[in-house]
Every structure is written in C-alpha cells, then in structure tokens.
Amino acid sequence: MGVFYSRMLFIFYVFTRTQLKTGNKNKALETISNYVEGKTFEPKSLYYSALVYKENKMEDKVVLMKSELQKSIFELGLLITKSINNL
C-alpha cells in the first residue's frame, strides 16, 4: 500500500472519529460508505468502519467485520485487539 493511500485512510479515520464525537454519526456513516467501504480491506480501515457501524446500530455489519478483524489481530496490535472484543 502506498504512503499516500495510507495517509488518506488515516485522514478519513480522523474525520469520521470527529464526526462521531460531535454527534454526527450519520455523516460518519456517509463518509465511510463513500470513501472507505469496498475500497480497502486493510484491517485498521475495517476496524474504524466497524466503530462507525456500531454507532449507527448496524450490528449485522459489525458482526461480519468483527470476525474478519479477529483474523488480523497480529497486524492490529494488543490495544485494538481488546477493543475488537468490545465491538
């Protein structure tokens, strides 16, 4: 994955987290749907997307992503792994 692409995913993460923290969960969902969903299967992107889906009560998507994320715990690290279990 290129450096530019990695940074863009990080920017979308920061943007969606800001949207969630300010109560704009529908906007965060729109951002994920338009710019991340179906465009990458990178574990951190899936994790951030799962957080947005959880806030929007889309449990079916969260369950699917959680099972994929549990296969990627080595890449995600211990702190995120603990958070995955709480999804």
C-alpha atoms as a PDB file:
ATOM      1  CA  MET A   1       0.000   0.000   0.000  1.00  0.00           C
ATOM      2  CA  GLY A   2       1.371   3.396  -0.903  1.00  0.00           C
ATOM      3  CA  VAL A   3       2.186   6.075   1.638  1.00  0.00           C
ATOM      4  CA  PHE A   4      -0.347   8.465   0.095  1.00  0.00           C
ATOM      5  CA  TYR A   5      -3.121   5.876   0.313  1.00  0.00           C
ATOM      6  CA  SER A   6      -2.219   5.079   3.923  1.00  0.00           C
ATOM      7  CA  ARG A   7      -2.395   8.738   4.856  1.00  0.00           C
ATOM      8  CA  MET A   8      -5.731   9.183   3.133  1.00  0.00           C
ATOM      9  CA  LEU A   9      -7.198   6.308   5.153  1.00  0.00           C
ATOM     10  CA  PHE A  10      -5.842   7.900   8.320  1.00  0.00           C
ATOM     11  CA  ILE A  11      -7.435  11.244   7.362  1.00  0.00           C
ATOM     12  CA  PHE A  12     -10.787   9.527   6.815  1.00  0.00           C
ATOM     13  CA  TYR A  13     -10.419   7.849  10.207  1.00  0.00           C
ATOM     14  CA  VAL A  14      -9.715  11.159  11.961  1.00  0.00           C
ATOM     15  CA  PHE A  15     -12.565  12.806  10.080  1.00  0.00           C
ATOM     16  CA  THR A  16     -15.089  10.081  10.946  1.00  0.00           C
ATOM     17  CA  ARG A  17     -13.973   9.955  14.598  1.00  0.00           C
ATOM     18  CA  THR A  18     -14.505  13.714  14.797  1.00  0.00           C
ATOM     19  CA  GLN A  19     -17.928  13.318  13.235  1.00  0.00           C
ATOM     20  CA  LEU A  20     -18.821  10.620  15.781  1.00  0.00           C
ATOM     21  CA  LYS A  21     -17.547  12.626  18.745  1.00  0.00           C
ATOM     22  CA  THR A  22     -19.604  15.662  17.686  1.00  0.00           C
ATOM     23  CA  GLY A  23     -22.756  13.549  17.343  1.00  0.00           C
ATOM     24  CA  ASN A  24     -22.793  13.345  13.555  1.00  0.00           C
ATOM     25  CA  LYS A  25     -22.974   9.566  13.319  1.00  0.00           C
ATOM     26  CA  ASN A  26     -24.976   9.709  10.074  1.00  0.00           C
ATOM     27  CA  LYS A  27     -22.293  11.889   8.467  1.00  0.00           C
ATOM     28  CA  ALA A  28     -19.611   9.474   9.688  1.00  0.00           C
ATOM     29  CA  LEU A  29     -21.539   6.618   8.085  1.00  0.00           C
ATOM     30  CA  GLU A  30     -21.812   8.590   4.860  1.00  0.00           C
ATOM     31  CA  THR A  31     -18.048   9.226   4.875  1.00  0.00           C
ATOM     32  CA  ILE A  32     -17.264   5.536   5.422  1.00  0.00           C
ATOM     33  CA  SER A  33     -19.780   4.479   2.771  1.00  0.00           C
ATOM     34  CA  ASN A  34     -18.459   6.906   0.170  1.00  0.00           C
ATOM     35  CA  TYR A  35     -14.722   6.717   0.719  1.00  0.00           C
ATOM     36  CA  VAL A  36     -13.756   3.525   2.553  1.00  0.00           C
ATOM     37  CA  GLU A  37     -16.323   0.730   2.207  1.00  0.00           C
ATOM     38  CA  GLY A  38     -15.444  -1.665  -0.594  1.00  0.00           C
ATOM     39  CA  LYS A  39     -12.256   0.226  -1.410  1.00  0.00           C
ATOM     40  CA  THR A  40      -9.932  -1.438   1.083  1.00  0.00           C
ATOM     41  CA  PHE A  41      -9.718  -4.494   3.254  1.00  0.00           C
ATOM     42  CA  GLU A  42      -6.854  -3.155   5.345  1.00  0.00           C
ATOM     43  CA  PRO A  43      -7.509  -4.224   8.968  1.00  0.00           C
ATOM     44  CA  LYS A  44      -7.319  -0.745  10.518  1.00  0.00           C
ATOM     45  CA  SER A  45      -9.799   0.597   7.980  1.00  0.00           C
ATOM     46  CA  LEU A  46     -12.149  -2.266   8.754  1.00  0.00           C
ATOM     47  CA  TYR A  47     -11.796  -1.538  12.468  1.00  0.00           C
ATOM     48  CA  TYR A  48     -12.605   2.144  12.081  1.00  0.00           C
ATOM     49  CA  SER A  49     -15.521   1.291   9.812  1.00  0.00           C
ATOM     50  CA  ALA A  50     -16.831  -1.175  12.402  1.00  0.00           C
ATOM     51  CA  LEU A  51     -16.810   1.583  15.024  1.00  0.00           C
ATOM     52  CA  VAL A  52     -18.965   3.768  12.773  1.00  0.00           C
ATOM     53  CA  TYR A  53     -21.339   0.879  12.023  1.00  0.00           C
ATOM     54  CA  LYS A  54     -21.648   0.139  15.729  1.00  0.00           C
ATOM     55  CA  GLU A  55     -22.579   3.753  16.477  1.00  0.00           C
ATOM     56  CA  ASN A  56     -25.206   3.550  13.735  1.00  0.00           C
ATOM     57  CA  LYS A  57     -26.612   0.308  15.192  1.00  0.00           C
ATOM     58  CA  MET A  58     -25.722  -1.741  12.106  1.00  0.00           C
ATOM     59  CA  GLU A  59     -24.993  -4.887  14.101  1.00  0.00           C
ATOM     60  CA  ASP A  60     -25.060  -7.201  11.079  1.00  0.00           C
ATOM     61  CA  LYS A  61     -22.087  -5.392   9.538  1.00  0.00           C
ATOM     62  CA  VAL A  62     -20.282  -5.193  12.884  1.00  0.00           C
ATOM     63  CA  VAL A  63     -20.542  -8.959  13.384  1.00  0.00           C
ATOM     64  CA  LEU A  64     -19.110  -9.652   9.916  1.00  0.00           C
ATOM     65  CA  MET A  65     -16.267  -7.196  10.394  1.00  0.00           C
ATOM     66  CA  LYS A  66     -15.510  -8.456  13.884  1.00  0.00           C
ATOM     67  CA  SER A  67     -14.915 -11.967  12.576  1.00  0.00           C
ATOM     68  CA  GLU A  68     -12.585 -10.594   9.874  1.00  0.00           C
ATOM     69  CA  LEU A  69     -10.772  -8.402  12.387  1.00  0.00           C
ATOM     70  CA  GLN A  70     -10.176 -11.309  14.743  1.00  0.00           C
ATOM     71  CA  LYS A  71      -8.205 -12.958  11.932  1.00  0.00           C
ATOM     72  CA  SER A  72      -5.959  -9.874  11.776  1.00  0.00           C
ATOM     73  CA  ILE A  73      -5.069  -9.390  15.429  1.00  0.00           C
ATOM     74  CA  PHE A  74      -1.357  -9.744  14.733  1.00  0.00           C
ATOM     75  CA  GLU A  75      -1.466  -6.735  12.393  1.00  0.00           C
ATOM     76  CA  LEU A  76      -3.633  -4.610  14.669  1.00  0.00           C
ATOM     77  CA  GLY A  77      -1.822  -4.978  17.963  1.00  0.00           C
ATOM     78  CA  LEU A  78      -2.904  -5.638  21.514  1.00  0.00           C
ATOM     79  CA  LEU A  79      -4.811  -2.404  22.251  1.00  0.00           C
ATOM     80  CA  ILE A  80      -7.007  -2.575  19.186  1.00  0.00           C
ATOM     81  CA  THR A  81      -7.496  -6.317  19.735  1.00  0.00           C
ATOM     82  CA  LYS A  82      -9.018  -5.595  23.136  1.00  0.00           C
ATOM     83  CA  SER A  83     -11.341  -3.064  21.506  1.00  0.00           C
ATOM     84  CA  ILE A  84     -12.375  -5.569  18.844  1.00  0.00           C
ATOM     85  CA  ASN A  85     -13.702  -7.856  21.552  1.00  0.00           C
ATOM     86  CA  ASN A  86     -15.945  -4.994  22.732  1.00  0.00           C
ATOM     87  CA  LEU A  87     -17.482  -4.326  19.324  1.00  0.00           C
END
